[in-house]
Amino acid sequence: MKIHLYALSTCPYCRMTKRYLDEHGITYEITEVDLLDGDEKQAAVDEVKRLSGGTSFPVLVADNEVIVGFNKSKMAAVLGL
């Protein structure tokens, strides 16, 4: 399963999501959108909007499932925990 997390470095819910994934030994890629610059940042924001319909963070993509916000029960179900 390919897992990608779009997060903000200053977002407490993003940190909680990272901690949850780390505690469960889940391997994932992360894009901290606020640490990007220029076109790269705009492309990441556009991707978050496309995936989630807005600009709320965190956005966790596990294969074709998209989870917006820190939702332990949905993450557990999607990730098989």
PDB file of N, CA and C in Angstrom:
ATOM      1  N   MET A   1       0.849  -1.176   0.000  1.00  0.00           N
ATOM      2  CA  MET A   1       0.000   0.000   0.000  1.00  0.00           C
ATOM      3  C   MET A   1       0.893   1.236   0.000  1.00  0.00           C
ATOM      4  N   LYS A   2       0.641   2.135  -0.914  1.00  0.00           N
ATOM      5  CA  LYS A   2       1.383   3.391  -0.978  1.00  0.00           C
ATOM      6  C   LYS A   2       0.647   4.429  -0.122  1.00  0.00           C
ATOM      7  N   ILE A   3       1.384   5.044   0.793  1.00  0.00           N
ATOM      8  CA  ILE A   3       0.778   6.020   1.710  1.00  0.00           C
ATOM      9  C   ILE A   3       1.529   7.328   1.599  1.00  0.00           C
ATOM     10  N   HIS A   4       0.770   8.406   1.421  1.00  0.00           N
ATOM     11  CA  HIS A   4       1.364   9.741   1.337  1.00  0.00           C
ATOM     12  C   HIS A   4       0.594  10.674   2.265  1.00  0.00           C
ATOM     13  N   LEU A   5       1.330  11.450   3.030  1.00  0.00           N
ATOM     14  CA  LEU A   5       0.733  12.405   3.962  1.00  0.00           C
ATOM     15  C   LEU A   5       1.075  13.810   3.523  1.00  0.00           C
ATOM     16  N   TYR A   6       0.048  14.617   3.320  1.00  0.00           N
ATOM     17  CA  TYR A   6       0.223  16.051   3.083  1.00  0.00           C
ATOM     18  C   TYR A   6      -0.048  16.735   4.407  1.00  0.00           C
ATOM     19  N   ALA A   7       0.933  17.510   4.870  1.00  0.00           N
ATOM     20  CA  ALA A   7       0.842  18.089   6.204  1.00  0.00           C
ATOM     21  C   ALA A   7       1.418  19.502   6.209  1.00  0.00           C
ATOM     22  N   LEU A   8       1.202  20.168   7.341  1.00  0.00           N
ATOM     23  CA  LEU A   8       1.848  21.446   7.623  1.00  0.00           C
ATOM     24  C   LEU A   8       2.760  21.237   8.815  1.00  0.00           C
ATOM     25  N   SER A   9       3.930  21.824   8.777  1.00  0.00           N
ATOM     26  CA  SER A   9       4.898  21.608   9.857  1.00  0.00           C
ATOM     27  C   SER A   9       4.419  22.152  11.193  1.00  0.00           C
ATOM     28  N   THR A  10       3.491  23.107  11.185  1.00  0.00           N
ATOM     29  CA  THR A  10       3.012  23.744  12.414  1.00  0.00           C
ATOM     30  C   THR A  10       1.665  23.219  12.900  1.00  0.00           C
ATOM     31  N   CYS A  11       1.095  22.258  12.188  1.00  0.00           N
ATOM     32  CA  CYS A  11      -0.262  21.772  12.470  1.00  0.00           C
ATOM     33  C   CYS A  11      -0.235  20.674  13.535  1.00  0.00           C
ATOM     34  N   PRO A  12      -0.934  20.870  14.665  1.00  0.00           N
ATOM     35  CA  PRO A  12      -0.941  19.841  15.707  1.00  0.00           C
ATOM     36  C   PRO A  12      -1.602  18.537  15.249  1.00  0.00           C
ATOM     37  N   TYR A  13      -2.630  18.597  14.417  1.00  0.00           N
ATOM     38  CA  TYR A  13      -3.289  17.387  13.935  1.00  0.00           C
ATOM     39  C   TYR A  13      -2.388  16.634  12.964  1.00  0.00           C
ATOM     40  N   CYS A  14      -1.579  17.367  12.223  1.00  0.00           N
ATOM     41  CA  CYS A  14      -0.597  16.732  11.339  1.00  0.00           C
ATOM     42  C   CYS A  14       0.443  15.991  12.167  1.00  0.00           C
ATOM     43  N   ARG A  15       0.911  16.603  13.245  1.00  0.00           N
ATOM     44  CA  ARG A  15       1.880  15.945  14.128  1.00  0.00           C
ATOM     45  C   ARG A  15       1.269  14.700  14.766  1.00  0.00           C
ATOM     46  N   MET A  16      -0.008  14.779  15.146  1.00  0.00           N
ATOM     47  CA  MET A  16      -0.685  13.622  15.732  1.00  0.00           C
ATOM     48  C   MET A  16      -0.793  12.491  14.706  1.00  0.00           C
ATOM     49  N   THR A  17      -1.062  12.829  13.472  1.00  0.00           N
ATOM     50  CA  THR A  17      -1.159  11.820  12.417  1.00  0.00           C
ATOM     51  C   THR A  17       0.195  11.166  12.182  1.00  0.00           C
ATOM     52  N   LYS A  18       1.255  11.972  12.102  1.00  0.00           N
ATOM     53  CA  LYS A  18       2.605  11.420  11.931  1.00  0.00           C
ATOM     54  C   LYS A  18       2.961  10.497  13.094  1.00  0.00           C
ATOM     55  N   ARG A  19       2.662  10.925  14.311  1.00  0.00           N
ATOM     56  CA  ARG A  19       2.955  10.112  15.496  1.00  0.00           C
ATOM     57  C   ARG A  19       2.193   8.790  15.436  1.00  0.00           C
ATOM     58  N   TYR A  20       0.921   8.840  15.058  1.00  0.00           N
ATOM     59  CA  TYR A  20       0.090   7.640  14.954  1.00  0.00           C
ATOM     60  C   TYR A  20       0.688   6.659  13.943  1.00  0.00           C
ATOM     61  N   LEU A  21       1.068   7.156  12.776  1.00  0.00           N
ATOM     62  CA  LEU A  21       1.656   6.298  11.750  1.00  0.00           C
ATOM     63  C   LEU A  21       2.978   5.714  12.233  1.00  0.00           C
ATOM     64  N   ASP A  22       3.808   6.548  12.849  1.00  0.00           N
ATOM     65  CA  ASP A  22       5.107   6.094  13.350  1.00  0.00           C
ATOM     66  C   ASP A  22       4.947   5.033  14.438  1.00  0.00           C
ATOM     67  N   GLU A  23       4.006   5.252  15.361  1.00  0.00           N
ATOM     68  CA  GLU A  23       3.789   4.303  16.459  1.00  0.00           C
ATOM     69  C   GLU A  23       3.340   2.935  15.951  1.00  0.00           C
ATOM     70  N   HIS A  24       2.678   2.919  14.792  1.00  0.00           N
ATOM     71  CA  HIS A  24       2.189   1.664  14.221  1.00  0.00           C
ATOM     72  C   HIS A  24       3.122   1.116  13.148  1.00  0.00           C
ATOM     73  N   GLY A  25       4.287   1.720  13.016  1.00  0.00           N
ATOM     74  CA  GLY A  25       5.279   1.207  12.075  1.00  0.00           C
ATOM     75  C   GLY A  25       4.881   1.318  10.616  1.00  0.00           C
ATOM     76  N   ILE A  26       4.042   2.298  10.301  1.00  0.00           N
ATOM     77  CA  ILE A  26       3.573   2.489   8.938  1.00  0.00           C
ATOM     78  C   ILE A  26       4.611   3.308   8.165  1.00  0.00           C
ATOM     79  N   THR A  27       5.010   2.808   7.014  1.00  0.00           N
ATOM     80  CA  THR A  27       5.928   3.537   6.135  1.00  0.00           C
ATOM     81  C   THR A  27       5.105   4.465   5.252  1.00  0.00           C
ATOM     82  N   TYR A  28       5.532   5.722   5.167  1.00  0.00           N
ATOM     83  CA  TYR A  28       4.788   6.701   4.373  1.00  0.00           C
ATOM     84  C   TYR A  28       5.725   7.781   3.851  1.00  0.00           C
ATOM     85  N   GLU A  29       5.281   8.429   2.794  1.00  0.00           N
ATOM     86  CA  GLU A  29       5.953   9.612   2.275  1.00  0.00           C
ATOM     87  C   GLU A  29       5.221  10.818   2.831  1.00  0.00           C
ATOM     88  N   ILE A  30       5.945  11.907   3.024  1.00  0.00           N
ATOM     89  CA  ILE A  30       5.313  13.109   3.565  1.00  0.00           C
ATOM     90  C   ILE A  30       5.715  14.327   2.752  1.00  0.00           C
ATOM     91  N   THR A  31       4.749  15.193   2.535  1.00  0.00           N
ATOM     92  CA  THR A  31       4.993  16.500   1.948  1.00  0.00           C
ATOM     93  C   THR A  31       4.524  17.534   2.956  1.00  0.00           C
ATOM     94  N   GLU A  32       5.469  18.294   3.504  1.00  0.00           N
ATOM     95  CA  GLU A  32       5.110  19.384   4.411  1.00  0.00           C
ATOM     96  C   GLU A  32       4.960  20.636   3.546  1.00  0.00           C
ATOM     97  N   VAL A  33       3.725  20.913   3.200  1.00  0.00           N
ATOM     98  CA  VAL A  33       3.382  21.900   2.180  1.00  0.00           C
ATOM     99  C   VAL A  33       3.908  23.290   2.527  1.00  0.00           C
ATOM    100  N   ASP A  34       3.844  23.680   3.790  1.00  0.00           N
ATOM    101  CA  ASP A  34       4.266  25.031   4.164  1.00  0.00           C
ATOM    102  C   ASP A  34       5.783  25.229   4.063  1.00  0.00           C
ATOM    103  N   LEU A  35       6.537  24.154   3.934  1.00  0.00           N
ATOM    104  CA  LEU A  35       7.998  24.264   3.818  1.00  0.00           C
ATOM    105  C   LEU A  35       8.462  24.304   2.362  1.00  0.00           C
ATOM    106  N   LEU A  36       7.522  24.174   1.431  1.00  0.00           N
ATOM    107  CA  LEU A  36       7.847  24.241   0.007  1.00  0.00           C
ATOM    108  C   LEU A  36       7.845  25.689  -0.464  1.00  0.00           C
ATOM    109  N   ASP A  37       8.414  25.915  -1.640  1.00  0.00           N
ATOM    110  CA  ASP A  37       8.468  27.264  -2.211  1.00  0.00           C
ATOM    111  C   ASP A  37       7.886  27.275  -3.616  1.00  0.00           C
ATOM    112  N   GLY A  38       7.412  28.428  -4.014  1.00  0.00           N
ATOM    113  CA  GLY A  38       7.027  28.708  -5.388  1.00  0.00           C
ATOM    114  C   GLY A  38       6.108  27.705  -6.024  1.00  0.00           C
ATOM    115  N   ASP A  39       6.510  27.267  -7.232  1.00  0.00           N
ATOM    116  CA  ASP A  39       5.678  26.351  -8.026  1.00  0.00           C
ATOM    117  C   ASP A  39       5.465  25.022  -7.323  1.00  0.00           C
ATOM    118  N   GLU A  40       6.475  24.562  -6.601  1.00  0.00           N
ATOM    119  CA  GLU A  40       6.366  23.288  -5.887  1.00  0.00           C
ATOM    120  C   GLU A  40       5.272  23.375  -4.814  1.00  0.00           C
ATOM    121  N   LYS A  41       5.236  24.497  -4.105  1.00  0.00           N
ATOM    122  CA  LYS A  41       4.209  24.700  -3.072  1.00  0.00           C
ATOM    123  C   LYS A  41       2.830  24.778  -3.708  1.00  0.00           C
ATOM    124  N   GLN A  42       2.717  25.532  -4.791  1.00  0.00           N
ATOM    125  CA  GLN A  42       1.425  25.673  -5.455  1.00  0.00           C
ATOM    126  C   GLN A  42       0.930  24.336  -5.990  1.00  0.00           C
ATOM    127  N   ALA A  43       1.833  23.532  -6.526  1.00  0.00           N
ATOM    128  CA  ALA A  43       1.454  22.208  -7.036  1.00  0.00           C
ATOM    129  C   ALA A  43       0.943  21.325  -5.899  1.00  0.00           C
ATOM    130  N   ALA A  44       1.585  21.390  -4.743  1.00  0.00           N
ATOM    131  CA  ALA A  44       1.145  20.584  -3.592  1.00  0.00           C
ATOM    132  C   ALA A  44      -0.229  21.050  -3.102  1.00  0.00           C
ATOM    133  N   VAL A  45      -0.439  22.364  -3.036  1.00  0.00           N
ATOM    134  CA  VAL A  45      -1.742  22.900  -2.614  1.00  0.00           C
ATOM    135  C   VAL A  45      -2.821  22.468  -3.608  1.00  0.00           C
ATOM    136  N   ASP A  46      -2.519  22.554  -4.894  1.00  0.00           N
ATOM    137  CA  ASP A  46      -3.480  22.129  -5.919  1.00  0.00           C
ATOM    138  C   ASP A  46      -3.823  20.648  -5.775  1.00  0.00           C
ATOM    139  N   GLU A  47      -2.817  19.821  -5.460  1.00  0.00           N
ATOM    140  CA  GLU A  47      -3.048  18.383  -5.281  1.00  0.00           C
ATOM    141  C   GLU A  47      -3.924  18.124  -4.055  1.00  0.00           C
ATOM    142  N   VAL A  48      -3.678  18.836  -2.962  1.00  0.00           N
ATOM    143  CA  VAL A  48      -4.505  18.698  -1.759  1.00  0.00           C
ATOM    144  C   VAL A  48      -5.953  19.077  -2.074  1.00  0.00           C
ATOM    145  N   LYS A  49      -6.149  20.167  -2.798  1.00  0.00           N
ATOM    146  CA  LYS A  49      -7.503  20.596  -3.184  1.00  0.00           C
ATOM    147  C   LYS A  49      -8.182  19.538  -4.042  1.00  0.00           C
ATOM    148  N   ARG A  50      -7.424  18.964  -4.984  1.00  0.00           N
ATOM    149  CA  ARG A  50      -7.982  17.939  -5.866  1.00  0.00           C
ATOM    150  C   ARG A  50      -8.392  16.694  -5.085  1.00  0.00           C
ATOM    151  N   LEU A  51      -7.549  16.295  -4.155  1.00  0.00           N
ATOM    152  CA  LEU A  51      -7.803  15.085  -3.371  1.00  0.00           C
ATOM    153  C   LEU A  51      -8.930  15.259  -2.361  1.00  0.00           C
ATOM    154  N   SER A  52      -8.930  16.400  -1.677  1.00  0.00           N
ATOM    155  CA  SER A  52      -9.824  16.561  -0.530  1.00  0.00           C
ATOM    156  C   SER A  52     -10.980  17.527  -0.753  1.00  0.00           C
ATOM    157  N   GLY A  53     -10.926  18.295  -1.815  1.00  0.00           N
ATOM    158  CA  GLY A  53     -11.982  19.277  -2.060  1.00  0.00           C
ATOM    159  C   GLY A  53     -11.784  20.563  -1.282  1.00  0.00           C
ATOM    160  N   GLY A  54     -10.681  20.705  -0.595  1.00  0.00           N
ATOM    161  CA  GLY A  54     -10.413  21.915   0.188  1.00  0.00           C
ATOM    162  C   GLY A  54      -8.945  22.008   0.545  1.00  0.00           C
ATOM    163  N   THR A  55      -8.676  22.795   1.571  1.00  0.00           N
ATOM    164  CA  THR A  55      -7.284  22.966   1.994  1.00  0.00           C
ATOM    165  C   THR A  55      -7.117  22.675   3.480  1.00  0.00           C
ATOM    166  N   SER A  56      -7.854  21.711   3.978  1.00  0.00           N
ATOM    167  CA  SER A  56      -7.691  21.279   5.364  1.00  0.00           C
ATOM    168  C   SER A  56      -6.552  20.276   5.444  1.00  0.00           C
ATOM    169  N   PHE A  57      -5.873  20.277   6.565  1.00  0.00           N
ATOM    170  CA  PHE A  57      -4.754  19.364   6.786  1.00  0.00           C
ATOM    171  C   PHE A  57      -4.950  18.633   8.099  1.00  0.00           C
ATOM    172  N   PRO A  58      -4.394  17.446   8.240  1.00  0.00           N
ATOM    173  CA  PRO A  58      -3.634  16.675   7.277  1.00  0.00           C
ATOM    174  C   PRO A  58      -4.532  15.989   6.253  1.00  0.00           C
ATOM    175  N   VAL A  59      -3.906  15.578   5.136  1.00  0.00           N
ATOM    176  CA  VAL A  59      -4.572  14.764   4.127  1.00  0.00           C
ATOM    177  C   VAL A  59      -3.717  13.516   3.948  1.00  0.00           C
ATOM    178  N   LEU A  60      -4.293  12.387   4.280  1.00  0.00           N
ATOM    179  CA  LEU A  60      -3.603  11.104   4.173  1.00  0.00           C
ATOM    180  C   LEU A  60      -4.186  10.346   2.998  1.00  0.00           C
ATOM    181  N   VAL A  61      -3.317   9.923   2.078  1.00  0.00           N
ATOM    182  CA  VAL A  61      -3.745   9.163   0.911  1.00  0.00           C
ATOM    183  C   VAL A  61      -3.137   7.769   1.024  1.00  0.00           C
ATOM    184  N   ALA A  62      -3.997   6.772   1.123  1.00  0.00           N
ATOM    185  CA  ALA A  62      -3.567   5.370   1.199  1.00  0.00           C
ATOM    186  C   ALA A  62      -4.172   4.658  -0.004  1.00  0.00           C
ATOM    187  N   ASP A  63      -3.327   4.412  -1.007  1.00  0.00           N
ATOM    188  CA  ASP A  63      -3.792   3.933  -2.308  1.00  0.00           C
ATOM    189  C   ASP A  63      -4.858   4.895  -2.825  1.00  0.00           C
ATOM    190  N   ASN A  64      -6.115   4.482  -2.911  1.00  0.00           N
ATOM    191  CA  ASN A  64      -7.156   5.374  -3.443  1.00  0.00           C
ATOM    192  C   ASN A  64      -8.041   5.975  -2.357  1.00  0.00           C
ATOM    193  N   GLU A  65      -7.745   5.692  -1.102  1.00  0.00           N
ATOM    194  CA  GLU A  65      -8.525   6.237   0.014  1.00  0.00           C
ATOM    195  C   GLU A  65      -7.915   7.558   0.469  1.00  0.00           C
ATOM    196  N   VAL A  66      -8.766   8.542   0.702  1.00  0.00           N
ATOM    197  CA  VAL A  66      -8.323   9.856   1.182  1.00  0.00           C
ATOM    198  C   VAL A  66      -8.961  10.117   2.536  1.00  0.00           C
ATOM    199  N   ILE A  67      -8.127  10.438   3.516  1.00  0.00           N
ATOM    200  CA  ILE A  67      -8.605  10.754   4.860  1.00  0.00           C
ATOM    201  C   ILE A  67      -8.176  12.185   5.167  1.00  0.00           C
ATOM    202  N   VAL A  68      -9.154  13.029   5.462  1.00  0.00           N
ATOM    203  CA  VAL A  68      -8.867  14.426   5.785  1.00  0.00           C
ATOM    204  C   VAL A  68      -9.015  14.599   7.288  1.00  0.00           C
ATOM    205  N   GLY A  69      -7.993  15.183   7.904  1.00  0.00           N
ATOM    206  CA  GLY A  69      -8.021  15.399   9.344  1.00  0.00           C
ATOM    207  C   GLY A  69      -7.464  14.192  10.089  1.00  0.00           C
ATOM    208  N   PHE A  70      -7.356  14.334  11.401  1.00  0.00           N
ATOM    209  CA  PHE A  70      -6.856  13.254  12.246  1.00  0.00           C
ATOM    210  C   PHE A  70      -8.031  12.392  12.666  1.00  0.00           C
ATOM    211  N   ASN A  71      -8.200  11.251  11.978  1.00  0.00           N
ATOM    212  CA  ASN A  71      -9.336  10.368  12.215  1.00  0.00           C
ATOM    213  C   ASN A  71      -8.789   8.961  12.472  1.00  0.00           C
ATOM    214  N   LYS A  72      -8.544   8.654  13.759  1.00  0.00           N
ATOM    215  CA  LYS A  72      -7.915   7.382  14.124  1.00  0.00           C
ATOM    216  C   LYS A  72      -8.715   6.174  13.654  1.00  0.00           C
ATOM    217  N   SER A  73     -10.014   6.206  13.809  1.00  0.00           N
ATOM    218  CA  SER A  73     -10.810   5.036  13.442  1.00  0.00           C
ATOM    219  C   SER A  73     -10.775   4.792  11.933  1.00  0.00           C
ATOM    220  N   LYS A  74     -10.840   5.837  11.149  1.00  0.00           N
ATOM    221  CA  LYS A  74     -10.789   5.667   9.694  1.00  0.00           C
ATOM    222  C   LYS A  74      -9.390   5.230   9.254  1.00  0.00           C
ATOM    223  N   MET A  75      -8.341   5.799   9.874  1.00  0.00           N
ATOM    224  CA  MET A  75      -6.980   5.375   9.540  1.00  0.00           C
ATOM    225  C   MET A  75      -6.796   3.895   9.888  1.00  0.00           C
ATOM    226  N   ALA A  76      -7.285   3.481  11.033  1.00  0.00           N
ATOM    227  CA  ALA A  76      -7.156   2.086  11.457  1.00  0.00           C
ATOM    228  C   ALA A  76      -7.849   1.154  10.461  1.00  0.00           C
ATOM    229  N   ALA A  77      -9.027   1.548  10.027  1.00  0.00           N
ATOM    230  CA  ALA A  77      -9.777   0.714   9.082  1.00  0.00           C
ATOM    231  C   ALA A  77      -9.075   0.630   7.731  1.00  0.00           C
ATOM    232  N   VAL A  78      -8.633   1.757   7.208  1.00  0.00           N
ATOM    233  CA  VAL A  78      -7.993   1.799   5.897  1.00  0.00           C
ATOM    234  C   VAL A  78      -6.633   1.105   5.927  1.00  0.00           C
ATOM    235  N   LEU A  79      -5.899   1.280   7.020  1.00  0.00           N
ATOM    236  CA  LEU A  79      -4.551   0.725   7.118  1.00  0.00           C
ATOM    237  C   LEU A  79      -4.521  -0.693   7.690  1.00  0.00           C
ATOM    238  N   GLY A  80      -5.681  -1.218   8.068  1.00  0.00           N
ATOM    239  CA  GLY A  80      -5.755  -2.570   8.592  1.00  0.00           C
ATOM    240  C   GLY A  80      -5.150  -2.734   9.972  1.00  0.00           C
ATOM    241  N   LEU A  81      -5.312  -1.725  10.806  1.00  0.00           N
ATOM    242  CA  LEU A  81      -4.745  -1.773  12.177  1.00  0.00           C
ATOM    243  C   LEU A  81      -5.786  -2.239  13.181  1.00  0.00           C
TER     244      LEU A  81
END
